[in-house]
Amino acid sequence: MAIVQRHRGTVLVDSQVGKGSRFRVVLPSSLRAPTTEEAPAGAGAIATQGCETILVVEDDKAVREFACRVLEQAGHRTLAAASPDEARRWASETAAIDLVLSDVVLPGMNGRELCEELRNHRVGLKVLFMSGYPSDTVSQHGVLETGIHLLQKPFVAQTLLAAVRQVLDA
């Protein structure tokens, strides 16, 4: 049981008298980047490891925790915020933030407004937006303009890491 928990997994047990028991071990998918040999034919190798500090602003707990876990396993330091107020607090308390990964739609304000506010105090702050809404809804929040980076939800670990690396290296 301990080894399963150490790997962020769970053990599910179904038991019925007279029928027996069934144990299922559920582990998260691998978050490591594929090696060159494992990459699909024709795919260029993308460096996804890093050491930057990333502020993750997402009101959906599962998405926020997934993004933080993926980023941390790739070597990044993460600051998790469930609201614009938490994001502001992290920004005021943290010396270096290299990137803000923000949902477009947040409680109380949209992600673009929040990031503009943060950029007023941190010139050159890099931003990657994420959204599960269709592009016409996202465009109403002013995020589909030229030079804005958008990651469509749902996403997998490798897609997140590649998008983050692309924005950080831009």
C-alpha atoms as a PDB file:
ATOM      1  CA  MET A   1       0.000   0.000   0.000  1.00  0.00           C
ATOM      2  CA  ALA A   2       2.795   2.447   0.909  1.00  0.00           C
ATOM      3  CA  ILE A   3       4.509   2.132  -2.458  1.00  0.00           C
ATOM      4  CA  VAL A   4       1.227   2.876  -4.242  1.00  0.00           C
ATOM      5  CA  GLN A   5       0.673   5.978  -2.114  1.00  0.00           C
ATOM      6  CA  ARG A   6       4.272   7.150  -2.659  1.00  0.00           C
ATOM      7  CA  HIS A   7       3.561   7.114  -6.382  1.00  0.00           C
ATOM      8  CA  ARG A   8       0.337   9.139  -5.887  1.00  0.00           C
ATOM      9  CA  GLY A   9      -1.857   6.121  -6.525  1.00  0.00           C
ATOM     10  CA  THR A  10      -4.749   4.499  -4.754  1.00  0.00           C
ATOM     11  CA  VAL A  11      -5.987   0.987  -4.086  1.00  0.00           C
ATOM     12  CA  LEU A  12      -9.681   0.397  -4.729  1.00  0.00           C
ATOM     13  CA  VAL A  13     -11.324  -2.566  -3.011  1.00  0.00           C
ATOM     14  CA  ASP A  14     -14.651  -4.172  -3.917  1.00  0.00           C
ATOM     15  CA  SER A  15     -15.736  -6.920  -1.570  1.00  0.00           C
ATOM     16  CA  GLN A  16     -18.940  -8.933  -1.298  1.00  0.00           C
ATOM     17  CA  VAL A  17     -19.672 -11.749   1.129  1.00  0.00           C
ATOM     18  CA  GLY A  18     -19.700 -15.063  -0.688  1.00  0.00           C
ATOM     19  CA  LYS A  19     -18.377 -13.539  -3.922  1.00  0.00           C
ATOM     20  CA  GLY A  20     -14.864 -12.517  -2.943  1.00  0.00           C
ATOM     21  CA  SER A  21     -12.809  -9.362  -3.185  1.00  0.00           C
ATOM     22  CA  ARG A  22     -11.317  -7.385  -6.029  1.00  0.00           C
ATOM     23  CA  PHE A  23      -8.342  -5.074  -5.561  1.00  0.00           C
ATOM     24  CA  ARG A  24      -7.491  -2.485  -8.210  1.00  0.00           C
ATOM     25  CA  VAL A  25      -4.282  -0.461  -8.107  1.00  0.00           C
ATOM     26  CA  VAL A  26      -4.712   2.896  -9.833  1.00  0.00           C
ATOM     27  CA  LEU A  27      -1.576   4.883 -10.663  1.00  0.00           C
ATOM     28  CA  PRO A  28      -1.270   8.201 -12.495  1.00  0.00           C
ATOM     29  CA  SER A  29       0.025   8.130 -16.040  1.00  0.00           C
ATOM     30  CA  SER A  30       3.717   8.778 -16.541  1.00  0.00           C
ATOM     31  CA  LEU A  31       4.560  12.466 -16.467  1.00  0.00           C
ATOM     32  CA  ARG A  32       8.103  12.129 -17.753  1.00  0.00           C
ATOM     33  CA  ALA A  33       8.911  13.373 -21.212  1.00  0.00           C
ATOM     34  CA  PRO A  34       9.414  10.632 -23.788  1.00  0.00           C
ATOM     35  CA  THR A  35      12.988   9.925 -24.771  1.00  0.00           C
ATOM     36  CA  THR A  36      14.071  10.526 -28.352  1.00  0.00           C
ATOM     37  CA  GLU A  37      13.598   6.817 -29.052  1.00  0.00           C
ATOM     38  CA  GLU A  38      10.039   6.905 -27.657  1.00  0.00           C
ATOM     39  CA  ALA A  39       8.944  10.083 -29.427  1.00  0.00           C
ATOM     40  CA  PRO A  40       6.622   9.615 -32.403  1.00  0.00           C
ATOM     41  CA  ALA A  41       8.332   9.494 -35.793  1.00  0.00           C
ATOM     42  CA  GLY A  42       8.977  12.989 -37.115  1.00  0.00           C
ATOM     43  CA  ALA A  43       8.396  14.657 -33.748  1.00  0.00           C
ATOM     44  CA  GLY A  44      11.132  17.031 -32.684  1.00  0.00           C
ATOM     45  CA  ALA A  45      12.429  16.627 -29.169  1.00  0.00           C
ATOM     46  CA  ILE A  46      11.114  19.394 -26.958  1.00  0.00           C
ATOM     47  CA  ALA A  47      13.007  20.235 -23.796  1.00  0.00           C
ATOM     48  CA  THR A  48      10.355  20.358 -21.094  1.00  0.00           C
ATOM     49  CA  GLN A  49      12.449  20.378 -17.931  1.00  0.00           C
ATOM     50  CA  GLY A  50      12.917  23.607 -16.055  1.00  0.00           C
ATOM     51  CA  CYS A  51      13.659  25.364 -12.805  1.00  0.00           C
ATOM     52  CA  GLU A  52      11.428  28.417 -13.113  1.00  0.00           C
ATOM     53  CA  THR A  53       8.761  29.608 -10.661  1.00  0.00           C
ATOM     54  CA  ILE A  54       5.241  29.351 -12.074  1.00  0.00           C
ATOM     55  CA  LEU A  55       2.118  30.874 -10.551  1.00  0.00           C
ATOM     56  CA  VAL A  56      -0.817  28.576 -11.413  1.00  0.00           C
ATOM     57  CA  VAL A  57      -4.164  30.413 -11.174  1.00  0.00           C
ATOM     58  CA  GLU A  58      -7.064  27.992 -11.597  1.00  0.00           C
ATOM     59  CA  ASP A  59     -10.327  27.755  -9.652  1.00  0.00           C
ATOM     60  CA  ASP A  60     -10.869  24.068 -10.519  1.00  0.00           C
ATOM     61  CA  LYS A  61      -8.972  22.173  -7.817  1.00  0.00           C
ATOM     62  CA  ALA A  62      -8.342  19.051  -9.923  1.00  0.00           C
ATOM     63  CA  VAL A  63      -6.904  21.031 -12.853  1.00  0.00           C
ATOM     64  CA  ARG A  64      -4.821  23.218 -10.519  1.00  0.00           C
ATOM     65  CA  GLU A  65      -3.376  20.209  -8.681  1.00  0.00           C
ATOM     66  CA  PHE A  66      -2.681  18.327 -11.928  1.00  0.00           C
ATOM     67  CA  ALA A  67      -0.867  21.318 -13.460  1.00  0.00           C
ATOM     68  CA  CYS A  68       1.198  21.876 -10.307  1.00  0.00           C
ATOM     69  CA  ARG A  69       2.125  18.200 -10.047  1.00  0.00           C
ATOM     70  CA  VAL A  70       3.205  18.016 -13.699  1.00  0.00           C
ATOM     71  CA  LEU A  71       5.227  21.232 -13.453  1.00  0.00           C
ATOM     72  CA  GLU A  72       6.897  20.223 -10.179  1.00  0.00           C
ATOM     73  CA  GLN A  73       7.879  16.822 -11.560  1.00  0.00           C
ATOM     74  CA  ALA A  74       9.512  18.661 -14.453  1.00  0.00           C
ATOM     75  CA  GLY A  75      11.622  20.677 -11.984  1.00  0.00           C
ATOM     76  CA  HIS A  76       9.587  23.874 -11.694  1.00  0.00           C
ATOM     77  CA  ARG A  77       8.563  25.563  -8.462  1.00  0.00           C
ATOM     78  CA  THR A  78       4.805  26.194  -8.372  1.00  0.00           C
ATOM     79  CA  LEU A  79       2.606  28.611  -6.484  1.00  0.00           C
ATOM     80  CA  ALA A  80      -1.046  27.524  -6.519  1.00  0.00           C
ATOM     81  CA  ALA A  81      -3.877  30.053  -6.443  1.00  0.00           C
ATOM     82  CA  ALA A  82      -7.591  29.251  -6.585  1.00  0.00           C
ATOM     83  CA  SER A  83      -8.624  32.889  -7.022  1.00  0.00           C
ATOM     84  CA  PRO A  84      -7.349  36.283  -8.178  1.00  0.00           C
ATOM     85  CA  ASP A  85      -6.947  37.326  -4.528  1.00  0.00           C
ATOM     86  CA  GLU A  86      -4.666  34.354  -3.829  1.00  0.00           C
ATOM     87  CA  ALA A  87      -2.688  35.134  -6.978  1.00  0.00           C
ATOM     88  CA  ARG A  88      -2.216  38.747  -5.856  1.00  0.00           C
ATOM     89  CA  ARG A  89      -1.043  37.521  -2.446  1.00  0.00           C
ATOM     90  CA  TRP A  90       1.527  35.174  -4.013  1.00  0.00           C
ATOM     91  CA  ALA A  91       2.708  37.957  -6.322  1.00  0.00           C
ATOM     92  CA  SER A  92       3.202  40.348  -3.403  1.00  0.00           C
ATOM     93  CA  GLU A  93       5.024  37.743  -1.275  1.00  0.00           C
ATOM     94  CA  THR A  94       7.243  36.152  -3.930  1.00  0.00           C
ATOM     95  CA  ALA A  95      10.369  37.794  -5.305  1.00  0.00           C
ATOM     96  CA  ALA A  96      10.575  35.937  -8.618  1.00  0.00           C
ATOM     97  CA  ILE A  97       7.717  34.624 -10.729  1.00  0.00           C
ATOM     98  CA  ASP A  98       8.778  33.596 -14.215  1.00  0.00           C
ATOM     99  CA  LEU A  99       5.370  32.689 -15.635  1.00  0.00           C
ATOM    100  CA  VAL A 100       1.690  32.928 -14.791  1.00  0.00           C
ATOM    101  CA  LEU A 101      -0.412  29.986 -15.983  1.00  0.00           C
ATOM    102  CA  SER A 102      -3.942  31.326 -15.638  1.00  0.00           C
ATOM    103  CA  ASP A 103      -7.428  30.182 -16.465  1.00  0.00           C
ATOM    104  CA  VAL A 104      -9.260  32.665 -18.680  1.00  0.00           C
ATOM    105  CA  VAL A 105     -12.433  32.636 -16.582  1.00  0.00           C
ATOM    106  CA  LEU A 106     -11.880  33.174 -12.857  1.00  0.00           C
ATOM    107  CA  PRO A 107     -14.206  34.073 -10.008  1.00  0.00           C
ATOM    108  CA  GLY A 108     -14.607  37.846  -9.812  1.00  0.00           C
ATOM    109  CA  MET A 109     -12.536  38.782 -12.870  1.00  0.00           C
ATOM    110  CA  ASN A 110     -11.080  37.252 -15.982  1.00  0.00           C
ATOM    111  CA  GLY A 111      -7.538  35.974 -16.241  1.00  0.00           C
ATOM    112  CA  ARG A 112      -6.512  38.665 -18.686  1.00  0.00           C
ATOM    113  CA  GLU A 113      -7.467  41.439 -16.250  1.00  0.00           C
ATOM    114  CA  LEU A 114      -5.587  39.687 -13.454  1.00  0.00           C
ATOM    115  CA  CYS A 115      -2.447  39.232 -15.550  1.00  0.00           C
ATOM    116  CA  GLU A 116      -2.507  42.854 -16.710  1.00  0.00           C
ATOM    117  CA  GLU A 117      -2.714  43.895 -13.069  1.00  0.00           C
ATOM    118  CA  LEU A 118       0.226  41.634 -12.165  1.00  0.00           C
ATOM    119  CA  ARG A 119       2.253  42.940 -15.115  1.00  0.00           C
ATOM    120  CA  ASN A 120       1.834  46.511 -13.803  1.00  0.00           C
ATOM    121  CA  HIS A 121       4.111  45.477 -10.912  1.00  0.00           C
ATOM    122  CA  ARG A 122       6.240  42.940 -12.809  1.00  0.00           C
ATOM    123  CA  VAL A 123       7.319  44.232 -16.183  1.00  0.00           C
ATOM    124  CA  GLY A 124       7.974  41.448 -18.672  1.00  0.00           C
ATOM    125  CA  LEU A 125       6.020  38.816 -16.743  1.00  0.00           C
ATOM    126  CA  LYS A 126       5.271  35.921 -19.088  1.00  0.00           C
ATOM    127  CA  VAL A 127       1.715  34.572 -19.270  1.00  0.00           C
ATOM    128  CA  LEU A 128       0.105  31.402 -20.598  1.00  0.00           C
ATOM    129  CA  PHE A 129      -3.688  31.273 -20.515  1.00  0.00           C
ATOM    130  CA  MET A 130      -5.719  28.076 -20.399  1.00  0.00           C
ATOM    131  CA  SER A 131      -9.389  27.556 -21.132  1.00  0.00           C
ATOM    132  CA  GLY A 132     -11.929  24.836 -21.681  1.00  0.00           C
ATOM    133  CA  TYR A 133     -14.313  27.207 -23.436  1.00  0.00           C
ATOM    134  CA  PRO A 134     -14.729  27.410 -27.215  1.00  0.00           C
ATOM    135  CA  SER A 135     -12.628  30.058 -28.949  1.00  0.00           C
ATOM    136  CA  ASP A 136     -15.583  32.419 -29.517  1.00  0.00           C
ATOM    137  CA  THR A 137     -16.191  32.557 -25.752  1.00  0.00           C
ATOM    138  CA  VAL A 138     -12.468  33.002 -25.071  1.00  0.00           C
ATOM    139  CA  SER A 139     -12.259  35.856 -27.569  1.00  0.00           C
ATOM    140  CA  GLN A 140     -14.898  37.755 -25.554  1.00  0.00           C
ATOM    141  CA  HIS A 141     -12.318  37.893 -22.765  1.00  0.00           C
ATOM    142  CA  GLY A 142      -9.708  39.417 -25.101  1.00  0.00           C
ATOM    143  CA  VAL A 143      -7.376  36.432 -24.971  1.00  0.00           C
ATOM    144  CA  LEU A 144      -7.217  35.508 -28.661  1.00  0.00           C
ATOM    145  CA  GLU A 145      -5.293  38.613 -29.687  1.00  0.00           C
ATOM    146  CA  THR A 146      -1.909  38.426 -31.380  1.00  0.00           C
ATOM    147  CA  GLY A 147       0.913  37.531 -29.021  1.00  0.00           C
ATOM    148  CA  ILE A 148      -1.332  35.858 -26.453  1.00  0.00           C
ATOM    149  CA  HIS A 149      -0.571  32.216 -25.662  1.00  0.00           C
ATOM    150  CA  LEU A 150      -3.532  29.896 -25.039  1.00  0.00           C
ATOM    151  CA  LEU A 151      -3.552  26.262 -23.909  1.00  0.00           C
ATOM    152  CA  GLN A 152      -6.852  24.495 -24.612  1.00  0.00           C
ATOM    153  CA  LYS A 153      -8.255  22.324 -21.797  1.00  0.00           C
ATOM    154  CA  PRO A 154      -8.311  19.466 -21.291  1.00  0.00           C
ATOM    155  CA  PHE A 155      -4.600  18.897 -21.814  1.00  0.00           C
ATOM    156  CA  VAL A 156      -2.102  16.148 -21.082  1.00  0.00           C
ATOM    157  CA  ALA A 157       1.156  16.532 -19.193  1.00  0.00           C
ATOM    158  CA  GLN A 158       3.389  16.690 -22.265  1.00  0.00           C
ATOM    159  CA  THR A 159       1.211  19.355 -23.922  1.00  0.00           C
ATOM    160  CA  LEU A 160       1.307  21.495 -20.769  1.00  0.00           C
ATOM    161  CA  LEU A 161       5.069  21.166 -20.440  1.00  0.00           C
ATOM    162  CA  ALA A 162       5.669  21.979 -24.111  1.00  0.00           C
ATOM    163  CA  ALA A 163       3.410  25.075 -23.953  1.00  0.00           C
ATOM    164  CA  VAL A 164       5.084  26.319 -20.764  1.00  0.00           C
ATOM    165  CA  ARG A 165       8.555  25.794 -22.215  1.00  0.00           C
ATOM    166  CA  GLN A 166       7.574  27.601 -25.442  1.00  0.00           C
ATOM    167  CA  VAL A 167       6.317  30.672 -23.559  1.00  0.00           C
ATOM    168  CA  LEU A 168       9.284  30.731 -21.168  1.00  0.00           C
ATOM    169  CA  ASP A 169      11.763  30.501 -24.031  1.00  0.00           C
ATOM    170  CA  ALA A 170      10.000  33.087 -26.223  1.00  0.00           C
END
